[in-house]
C-alpha atoms as a PDB file:
ATOM      1  CA  UNK A   1     -26.403  -1.296 -35.340  1.00  0.00           C
ATOM      2  CA  UNK A   2     -23.270  -3.408 -35.721  1.00  0.00           C
ATOM      3  CA  UNK A   3     -20.032  -1.886 -34.482  1.00  0.00           C
ATOM      4  CA  UNK A   4     -17.211  -1.288 -36.965  1.00  0.00           C
ATOM      5  CA  UNK A   5     -14.155  -3.518 -36.771  1.00  0.00           C
ATOM      6  CA  UNK A   6     -11.437  -2.383 -34.391  1.00  0.00           C
ATOM      7  CA  UNK A   7      -8.877  -3.493 -36.982  1.00  0.00           C
ATOM      8  CA  UNK A   8     -10.190  -1.081 -39.642  1.00  0.00           C
ATOM      9  CA  UNK A   9      -7.118   1.012 -40.610  1.00  0.00           C
ATOM     10  CA  UNK A  10      -9.184   4.168 -41.144  1.00  0.00           C
ATOM     11  CA  UNK A  11      -9.509   4.627 -37.372  1.00  0.00           C
ATOM     12  CA  UNK A  12      -6.761   6.117 -35.232  1.00  0.00           C
ATOM     13  CA  UNK A  13      -5.248   4.224 -32.314  1.00  0.00           C
ATOM     14  CA  UNK A  14      -7.568   5.663 -29.667  1.00  0.00           C
ATOM     15  CA  UNK A  15     -10.726   4.903 -31.635  1.00  0.00           C
ATOM     16  CA  UNK A  16      -9.454   1.425 -32.481  1.00  0.00           C
ATOM     17  CA  UNK A  17      -8.599   0.855 -28.808  1.00  0.00           C
ATOM     18  CA  UNK A  18     -12.144   1.877 -27.841  1.00  0.00           C
ATOM     19  CA  UNK A  19     -13.625  -0.621 -30.273  1.00  0.00           C
ATOM     20  CA  UNK A  20     -11.173  -3.280 -29.055  1.00  0.00           C
ATOM     21  CA  UNK A  21     -12.276  -2.767 -25.456  1.00  0.00           C
ATOM     22  CA  UNK A  22     -15.956  -3.021 -26.375  1.00  0.00           C
ATOM     23  CA  UNK A  23     -15.790  -5.957 -28.775  1.00  0.00           C
ATOM     24  CA  UNK A  24     -12.850  -7.989 -27.446  1.00  0.00           C
ATOM     25  CA  UNK A  25     -12.447  -7.230 -23.736  1.00  0.00           C
ATOM     26  CA  UNK A  26     -16.006  -6.373 -22.717  1.00  0.00           C
ATOM     27  CA  UNK A  27     -17.263  -4.273 -19.812  1.00  0.00           C
ATOM     28  CA  UNK A  28     -16.288  -5.596 -16.398  1.00  0.00           C
ATOM     29  CA  UNK A  29     -13.313  -7.594 -17.661  1.00  0.00           C
ATOM     30  CA  UNK A  30      -9.595  -7.250 -16.976  1.00  0.00           C
ATOM     31  CA  UNK A  31      -6.788  -6.582 -19.431  1.00  0.00           C
ATOM     32  CA  UNK A  32      -3.092  -5.769 -19.122  1.00  0.00           C
ATOM     33  CA  UNK A  33      -0.582  -3.524 -20.848  1.00  0.00           C
ATOM     34  CA  UNK A  34       0.772  -6.641 -22.539  1.00  0.00           C
ATOM     35  CA  UNK A  35      -2.693  -7.330 -23.976  1.00  0.00           C
ATOM     36  CA  UNK A  36      -2.693  -3.826 -25.446  1.00  0.00           C
ATOM     37  CA  UNK A  37       0.771  -4.349 -26.934  1.00  0.00           C
ATOM     38  CA  UNK A  38      -0.320  -7.640 -28.488  1.00  0.00           C
ATOM     39  CA  UNK A  39      -3.448  -6.040 -29.982  1.00  0.00           C
ATOM     40  CA  UNK A  40      -1.550  -3.043 -31.365  1.00  0.00           C
ATOM     41  CA  UNK A  41       1.952  -4.289 -32.203  1.00  0.00           C
ATOM     42  CA  UNK A  42       4.502  -1.661 -33.153  1.00  0.00           C
ATOM     43  CA  UNK A  43       2.428   1.252 -31.776  1.00  0.00           C
ATOM     44  CA  UNK A  44       4.465   2.657 -28.903  1.00  0.00           C
ATOM     45  CA  UNK A  45       1.736   4.927 -27.476  1.00  0.00           C
ATOM     46  CA  UNK A  46      -1.146   2.435 -27.623  1.00  0.00           C
ATOM     47  CA  UNK A  47      -1.404   2.147 -23.830  1.00  0.00           C
ATOM     48  CA  UNK A  48      -1.546   5.944 -23.547  1.00  0.00           C
ATOM     49  CA  UNK A  49      -4.334   6.092 -26.132  1.00  0.00           C
ATOM     50  CA  UNK A  50      -6.312   3.665 -23.956  1.00  0.00           C
ATOM     51  CA  UNK A  51      -5.830   5.989 -20.974  1.00  0.00           C
ATOM     52  CA  UNK A  52      -6.926   8.943 -23.113  1.00  0.00           C
ATOM     53  CA  UNK A  53     -10.392   7.391 -23.331  1.00  0.00           C
ATOM     54  CA  UNK A  54     -11.000   8.479 -19.725  1.00  0.00           C
ATOM     55  CA  UNK A  55     -11.281  12.040 -21.037  1.00  0.00           C
ATOM     56  CA  UNK A  56     -14.328  10.926 -23.017  1.00  0.00           C
ATOM     57  CA  UNK A  57     -16.231   9.404 -20.113  1.00  0.00           C
ATOM     58  CA  UNK A  58     -14.771   5.894 -20.260  1.00  0.00           C
ATOM     59  CA  UNK A  59     -14.160   4.262 -16.867  1.00  0.00           C
ATOM     60  CA  UNK A  60     -10.969   2.212 -16.913  1.00  0.00           C
ATOM     61  CA  UNK A  61      -9.754   1.361 -13.416  1.00  0.00           C
ATOM     62  CA  UNK A  62      -6.247   0.499 -12.259  1.00  0.00           C
ATOM     63  CA  UNK A  63      -5.136  -0.871  -8.886  1.00  0.00           C
ATOM     64  CA  UNK A  64      -5.388   2.673  -7.531  1.00  0.00           C
ATOM     65  CA  UNK A  65      -9.159   2.715  -8.049  1.00  0.00           C
ATOM     66  CA  UNK A  66      -9.849  -1.016  -7.650  1.00  0.00           C
ATOM     67  CA  UNK A  67      -7.871  -2.682  -4.858  1.00  0.00           C
ATOM     68  CA  UNK A  68      -8.643  -6.147  -6.241  1.00  0.00           C
ATOM     69  CA  UNK A  69      -6.535  -5.485  -9.343  1.00  0.00           C
ATOM     70  CA  UNK A  70      -2.877  -6.384  -9.663  1.00  0.00           C
ATOM     71  CA  UNK A  71      -0.158  -3.815 -10.270  1.00  0.00           C
ATOM     72  CA  UNK A  72      -0.254  -4.322 -14.050  1.00  0.00           C
ATOM     73  CA  UNK A  73      -3.983  -5.011 -14.458  1.00  0.00           C
ATOM     74  CA  UNK A  74      -6.757  -2.695 -15.618  1.00  0.00           C
ATOM     75  CA  UNK A  75     -10.500  -3.206 -15.655  1.00  0.00           C
ATOM     76  CA  UNK A  76     -12.763  -1.904 -18.417  1.00  0.00           C
ATOM     77  CA  UNK A  77     -15.677  -0.826 -16.217  1.00  0.00           C
ATOM     78  CA  UNK A  78     -17.910   1.296 -18.425  1.00  0.00           C
ATOM     79  CA  UNK A  79     -18.016   2.596 -21.976  1.00  0.00           C
ATOM     80  CA  UNK A  80     -18.135   6.342 -22.498  1.00  0.00           C
ATOM     81  CA  UNK A  81     -18.734   8.295 -25.677  1.00  0.00           C
ATOM     82  CA  UNK A  82     -18.591   6.188 -28.881  1.00  0.00           C
ATOM     83  CA  UNK A  83     -15.515   8.066 -30.092  1.00  0.00           C
ATOM     84  CA  UNK A  84     -15.433   6.157 -33.394  1.00  0.00           C
ATOM     85  CA  UNK A  85     -18.620   7.936 -34.489  1.00  0.00           C
ATOM     86  CA  UNK A  86     -18.324  11.330 -36.235  1.00  0.00           C
ATOM     87  CA  UNK A  87     -18.611  14.231 -33.768  1.00  0.00           C
ATOM     88  CA  UNK A  88     -18.533  11.992 -30.686  1.00  0.00           C
ATOM     89  CA  UNK A  89     -14.885  12.515 -29.766  1.00  0.00           C
ATOM     90  CA  UNK A  90     -15.721  15.415 -27.455  1.00  0.00           C
ATOM     91  CA  UNK A  91     -13.980  15.359 -24.115  1.00  0.00           C
ATOM     92  CA  UNK A  92     -16.170  15.083 -21.022  1.00  0.00           C
ATOM     93  CA  UNK A  93     -13.430  16.579 -18.915  1.00  0.00           C
ATOM     94  CA  UNK A  94     -10.040  18.214 -19.268  1.00  0.00           C
ATOM     95  CA  UNK A  95      -6.879  16.224 -18.663  1.00  0.00           C
ATOM     96  CA  UNK A  96      -5.227  17.246 -15.401  1.00  0.00           C
ATOM     97  CA  UNK A  97      -1.752  18.628 -16.062  1.00  0.00           C
ATOM     98  CA  UNK A  98       1.189  18.089 -13.720  1.00  0.00           C
ATOM     99  CA  UNK A  99       1.063  21.787 -12.792  1.00  0.00           C
ATOM    100  CA  UNK A 100      -2.627  21.506 -11.879  1.00  0.00           C
ATOM    101  CA  UNK A 101      -1.926  18.330  -9.933  1.00  0.00           C
ATOM    102  CA  UNK A 102       0.779  19.999  -7.848  1.00  0.00           C
ATOM    103  CA  UNK A 103      -1.448  23.026  -7.272  1.00  0.00           C
ATOM    104  CA  UNK A 104      -4.438  20.953  -6.118  1.00  0.00           C
ATOM    105  CA  UNK A 105      -2.305  18.817  -3.797  1.00  0.00           C
ATOM    106  CA  UNK A 106      -0.714  21.924  -2.261  1.00  0.00           C
ATOM    107  CA  UNK A 107      -4.064  23.672  -1.725  1.00  0.00           C
ATOM    108  CA  UNK A 108      -5.542  20.496  -0.198  1.00  0.00           C
ATOM    109  CA  UNK A 109      -2.601  20.206   2.206  1.00  0.00           C
ATOM    110  CA  UNK A 110      -1.407  16.944   0.623  1.00  0.00           C
ATOM    111  CA  UNK A 111      -4.282  15.195   2.389  1.00  0.00           C
ATOM    112  CA  UNK A 112      -7.228  13.178   1.107  1.00  0.00           C
ATOM    113  CA  UNK A 113     -10.202  15.546   1.371  1.00  0.00           C
ATOM    114  CA  UNK A 114     -12.521  12.603   2.019  1.00  0.00           C
ATOM    115  CA  UNK A 115     -10.795  10.755   4.882  1.00  0.00           C
ATOM    116  CA  UNK A 116      -7.835  13.003   5.794  1.00  0.00           C
ATOM    117  CA  UNK A 117      -5.075  10.458   5.239  1.00  0.00           C
ATOM    118  CA  UNK A 118      -1.676  11.623   3.970  1.00  0.00           C
ATOM    119  CA  UNK A 119       0.329   9.902   1.212  1.00  0.00           C
ATOM    120  CA  UNK A 120       2.453   7.079   2.567  1.00  0.00           C
ATOM    121  CA  UNK A 121       0.355   6.647   5.717  1.00  0.00           C
ATOM    122  CA  UNK A 122      -0.907   3.137   6.379  1.00  0.00           C
ATOM    123  CA  UNK A 123      -4.632   2.481   6.441  1.00  0.00           C
ATOM    124  CA  UNK A 124      -5.869   1.286   9.834  1.00  0.00           C
ATOM    125  CA  UNK A 125      -5.931  -2.486  10.129  1.00  0.00           C
ATOM    126  CA  UNK A 126      -3.839  -3.060   7.019  1.00  0.00           C
ATOM    127  CA  UNK A 127      -0.333  -2.859   5.586  1.00  0.00           C
ATOM    128  CA  UNK A 128      -1.473  -0.801   2.613  1.00  0.00           C
ATOM    129  CA  UNK A 129      -0.068   2.690   2.176  1.00  0.00           C
ATOM    130  CA  UNK A 130      -2.226   5.513   0.874  1.00  0.00           C
ATOM    131  CA  UNK A 131      -1.597   7.141  -2.487  1.00  0.00           C
ATOM    132  CA  UNK A 132      -3.101  10.479  -3.441  1.00  0.00           C
ATOM    133  CA  UNK A 133      -4.533  11.276  -6.824  1.00  0.00           C
ATOM    134  CA  UNK A 134      -6.710  14.005  -8.296  1.00  0.00           C
ATOM    135  CA  UNK A 135     -10.456  13.375  -8.487  1.00  0.00           C
ATOM    136  CA  UNK A 136     -13.276  15.397 -10.009  1.00  0.00           C
ATOM    137  CA  UNK A 137     -16.060  16.299  -7.591  1.00  0.00           C
ATOM    138  CA  UNK A 138     -19.403  17.817  -8.514  1.00  0.00           C
ATOM    139  CA  UNK A 139     -20.214  20.836  -6.327  1.00  0.00           C
ATOM    140  CA  UNK A 140     -23.776  22.136  -6.204  1.00  0.00           C
ATOM    141  CA  UNK A 141     -23.667  25.928  -6.398  1.00  0.00           C
ATOM    142  CA  UNK A 142     -25.790  28.425  -4.414  1.00  0.00           C
ATOM    143  CA  UNK A 143     -27.332  29.476  -7.750  1.00  0.00           C
ATOM    144  CA  UNK A 144     -28.681  25.959  -8.227  1.00  0.00           C
ATOM    145  CA  UNK A 145     -26.225  24.904 -10.921  1.00  0.00           C
ATOM    146  CA  UNK A 146     -23.330  22.485 -10.652  1.00  0.00           C
ATOM    147  CA  UNK A 147     -19.587  22.856 -11.124  1.00  0.00           C
ATOM    148  CA  UNK A 148     -16.977  20.112 -11.384  1.00  0.00           C
ATOM    149  CA  UNK A 149     -13.886  20.923  -9.314  1.00  0.00           C
ATOM    150  CA  UNK A 150     -10.607  19.104  -8.729  1.00  0.00           C
ATOM    151  CA  UNK A 151      -9.824  17.632  -5.313  1.00  0.00           C
ATOM    152  CA  UNK A 152      -7.163  15.432  -3.719  1.00  0.00           C
ATOM    153  CA  UNK A 153      -8.402  11.954  -2.871  1.00  0.00           C
ATOM    154  CA  UNK A 154      -6.711   8.723  -1.805  1.00  0.00           C
ATOM    155  CA  UNK A 155      -6.912   5.446  -3.695  1.00  0.00           C
ATOM    156  CA  UNK A 156      -9.463   3.928  -1.297  1.00  0.00           C
ATOM    157  CA  UNK A 157     -11.800   6.890  -1.283  1.00  0.00           C
ATOM    158  CA  UNK A 158     -11.658   7.123  -5.075  1.00  0.00           C
ATOM    159  CA  UNK A 159     -13.160   3.623  -5.180  1.00  0.00           C
ATOM    160  CA  UNK A 160     -15.937   4.283  -2.678  1.00  0.00           C
ATOM    161  CA  UNK A 161     -16.577   7.899  -3.592  1.00  0.00           C
ATOM    162  CA  UNK A 162     -16.768   7.762  -7.377  1.00  0.00           C
ATOM    163  CA  UNK A 163     -19.441  10.164  -8.529  1.00  0.00           C
ATOM    164  CA  UNK A 164     -19.557  11.859  -5.116  1.00  0.00           C
ATOM    165  CA  UNK A 165     -20.983  15.368  -4.974  1.00  0.00           C
ATOM    166  CA  UNK A 166     -21.237  18.053  -2.318  1.00  0.00           C
ATOM    167  CA  UNK A 167     -23.501  21.056  -1.782  1.00  0.00           C
ATOM    168  CA  UNK A 168     -21.782  24.436  -1.359  1.00  0.00           C
ATOM    169  CA  UNK A 169     -25.124  26.230  -1.142  1.00  0.00           C
ATOM    170  CA  UNK A 170     -26.214  24.101   1.822  1.00  0.00           C
ATOM    171  CA  UNK A 171     -22.886  24.735   3.597  1.00  0.00           C
ATOM    172  CA  UNK A 172     -23.138  28.512   3.134  1.00  0.00           C
ATOM    173  CA  UNK A 173     -26.776  28.519   4.246  1.00  0.00           C
ATOM    174  CA  UNK A 174     -25.854  26.466   7.301  1.00  0.00           C
ATOM    175  CA  UNK A 175     -23.112  28.942   8.237  1.00  0.00           C
ATOM    176  CA  UNK A 176     -25.595  31.801   8.010  1.00  0.00           C
ATOM    177  CA  UNK A 177     -27.874  29.977  10.486  1.00  0.00           C
ATOM    178  CA  UNK A 178     -25.121  29.495  13.090  1.00  0.00           C
ATOM    179  CA  UNK A 179     -24.853  31.636  16.174  1.00  0.00           C
ATOM    180  CA  UNK A 180     -21.853  33.909  16.710  1.00  0.00           C
ATOM    181  CA  UNK A 181     -20.015  31.463  18.984  1.00  0.00           C
ATOM    182  CA  UNK A 182     -20.567  28.544  16.622  1.00  0.00           C
ATOM    183  CA  UNK A 183     -19.375  30.601  13.637  1.00  0.00           C
ATOM    184  CA  UNK A 184     -16.232  31.549  15.556  1.00  0.00           C
ATOM    185  CA  UNK A 185     -15.568  27.893  16.390  1.00  0.00           C
ATOM    186  CA  UNK A 186     -16.050  26.851  12.764  1.00  0.00           C
ATOM    187  CA  UNK A 187     -13.817  29.704  11.579  1.00  0.00           C
ATOM    188  CA  UNK A 188     -11.008  28.420  13.819  1.00  0.00           C
ATOM    189  CA  UNK A 189     -11.350  24.909  12.375  1.00  0.00           C
ATOM    190  CA  UNK A 190     -11.378  26.254   8.821  1.00  0.00           C
ATOM    191  CA  UNK A 191      -8.389  28.515   9.516  1.00  0.00           C
ATOM    192  CA  UNK A 192      -6.335  25.582  10.824  1.00  0.00           C
ATOM    193  CA  UNK A 193      -7.919  23.141   8.330  1.00  0.00           C
ATOM    194  CA  UNK A 194      -8.141  20.835  11.324  1.00  0.00           C
ATOM    195  CA  UNK A 195     -10.685  20.043  13.992  1.00  0.00           C
ATOM    196  CA  UNK A 196      -9.481  19.070  17.447  1.00  0.00           C
ATOM    197  CA  UNK A 197     -12.009  16.861  19.209  1.00  0.00           C
ATOM    198  CA  UNK A 198     -12.860  17.421  22.862  1.00  0.00           C
ATOM    199  CA  UNK A 199     -12.537  14.705  25.504  1.00  0.00           C
ATOM    200  CA  UNK A 200     -16.319  14.289  25.501  1.00  0.00           C
ATOM    201  CA  UNK A 201     -16.399  13.775  21.715  1.00  0.00           C
ATOM    202  CA  UNK A 202     -13.562  11.251  21.871  1.00  0.00           C
ATOM    203  CA  UNK A 203     -15.331   9.326  24.641  1.00  0.00           C
ATOM    204  CA  UNK A 204     -18.546   9.333  22.623  1.00  0.00           C
ATOM    205  CA  UNK A 205     -16.694   7.883  19.617  1.00  0.00           C
ATOM    206  CA  UNK A 206     -15.159   5.173  21.826  1.00  0.00           C
ATOM    207  CA  UNK A 207     -18.545   4.440  23.402  1.00  0.00           C
ATOM    208  CA  UNK A 208     -20.059   3.847  19.973  1.00  0.00           C
ATOM    209  CA  UNK A 209     -17.521   1.059  19.403  1.00  0.00           C
ATOM    210  CA  UNK A 210     -18.343  -0.818  22.612  1.00  0.00           C
ATOM    211  CA  UNK A 211     -20.432  -4.027  22.588  1.00  0.00           C
ATOM    212  CA  UNK A 212     -23.795  -3.986  24.381  1.00  0.00           C
ATOM    213  CA  UNK A 213     -22.459  -5.444  27.658  1.00  0.00           C
ATOM    214  CA  UNK A 214     -19.791  -2.765  27.928  1.00  0.00           C
ATOM    215  CA  UNK A 215     -22.184   0.003  26.867  1.00  0.00           C
ATOM    216  CA  UNK A 216     -24.417  -0.994  29.783  1.00  0.00           C
ATOM    217  CA  UNK A 217     -21.522  -0.393  32.191  1.00  0.00           C
ATOM    218  CA  UNK A 218     -21.001   3.056  30.728  1.00  0.00           C
ATOM    219  CA  UNK A 219     -24.685   3.850  31.218  1.00  0.00           C
ATOM    220  CA  UNK A 220     -24.377   2.684  34.838  1.00  0.00           C
ATOM    221  CA  UNK A 221     -21.314   4.918  35.374  1.00  0.00           C
ATOM    222  CA  UNK A 222     -23.332   7.883  34.079  1.00  0.00           C
ATOM    223  CA  UNK A 223     -26.295   7.099  36.310  1.00  0.00           C
ATOM    224  CA  UNK A 224     -28.545   6.146  33.389  1.00  0.00           C
ATOM    225  CA  UNK A 225     -31.150   3.356  33.540  1.00  0.00           C
ATOM    226  CA  UNK A 226     -30.394   0.142  31.687  1.00  0.00           C
ATOM    227  CA  UNK A 227     -31.676   0.271  28.121  1.00  0.00           C
END
C-alpha cells in the first residue's frame, strides 16, 4: 500500500516527520537538524518531534549511539510504529524525565553498568571521554516474564549493547547454589558495589594478554610442560 504524502497538512508534525524519514531520508541514511528545518520551515519544535518518534519504537541514532556520526548528524536506523495510521501512535516506552534520569544515575553510582566507566573518563587507547545516558534493559524475571528497567550506560556500550537483556532469575538461582563462604564474598562485593581483584586474578588477566612466546615463559616459571 502506498504511503501518504509527508506534506499532507492533515498530519501533525511528528507524523509528517515520520513519513519524511521513510520516504525522503530512508533507513540507514544520515540527516541533520538543518535538514529538518528545511523540510519543516517555520515549525520551531520540528526537531523535537523527530526525537519523539523514539517513544514509538523508531531508532534514530546520534553521535552518542553511533561514534561514526558527527556532532550535528543523526542516522535513521529503523522505522518503528507507523504513527500516521489510526491507532498506531501508541508509545512503546515512556519518556525518561529529568527526575528519573537523576534518580537512575544516582542509584547506579554515576557509572556505566556495562563497563564501569564514569562520565568524563577517557576510554583506554583513545582521547574520547565517556558520556552517560539512560538505557532500557530487558530483565528476565524469576516468574518467567520480562520487565524493562532503566539503567545507566555509556555512549560506547549503548552502541554495542542495544537490545541487551539480563536474567534476574538465573542470578538469584545461582546465589542459592553458592556455599556460605562464596555468598559472603559476593555480599561484600554487592555491598561495596565494587570487586577488588586478587593478585592471582590480576596475573591471570595479564597472562591472557601475552603472546605465545611470552606465555611459554610463564608456563616454564610455573613448572608446567610446554604446550
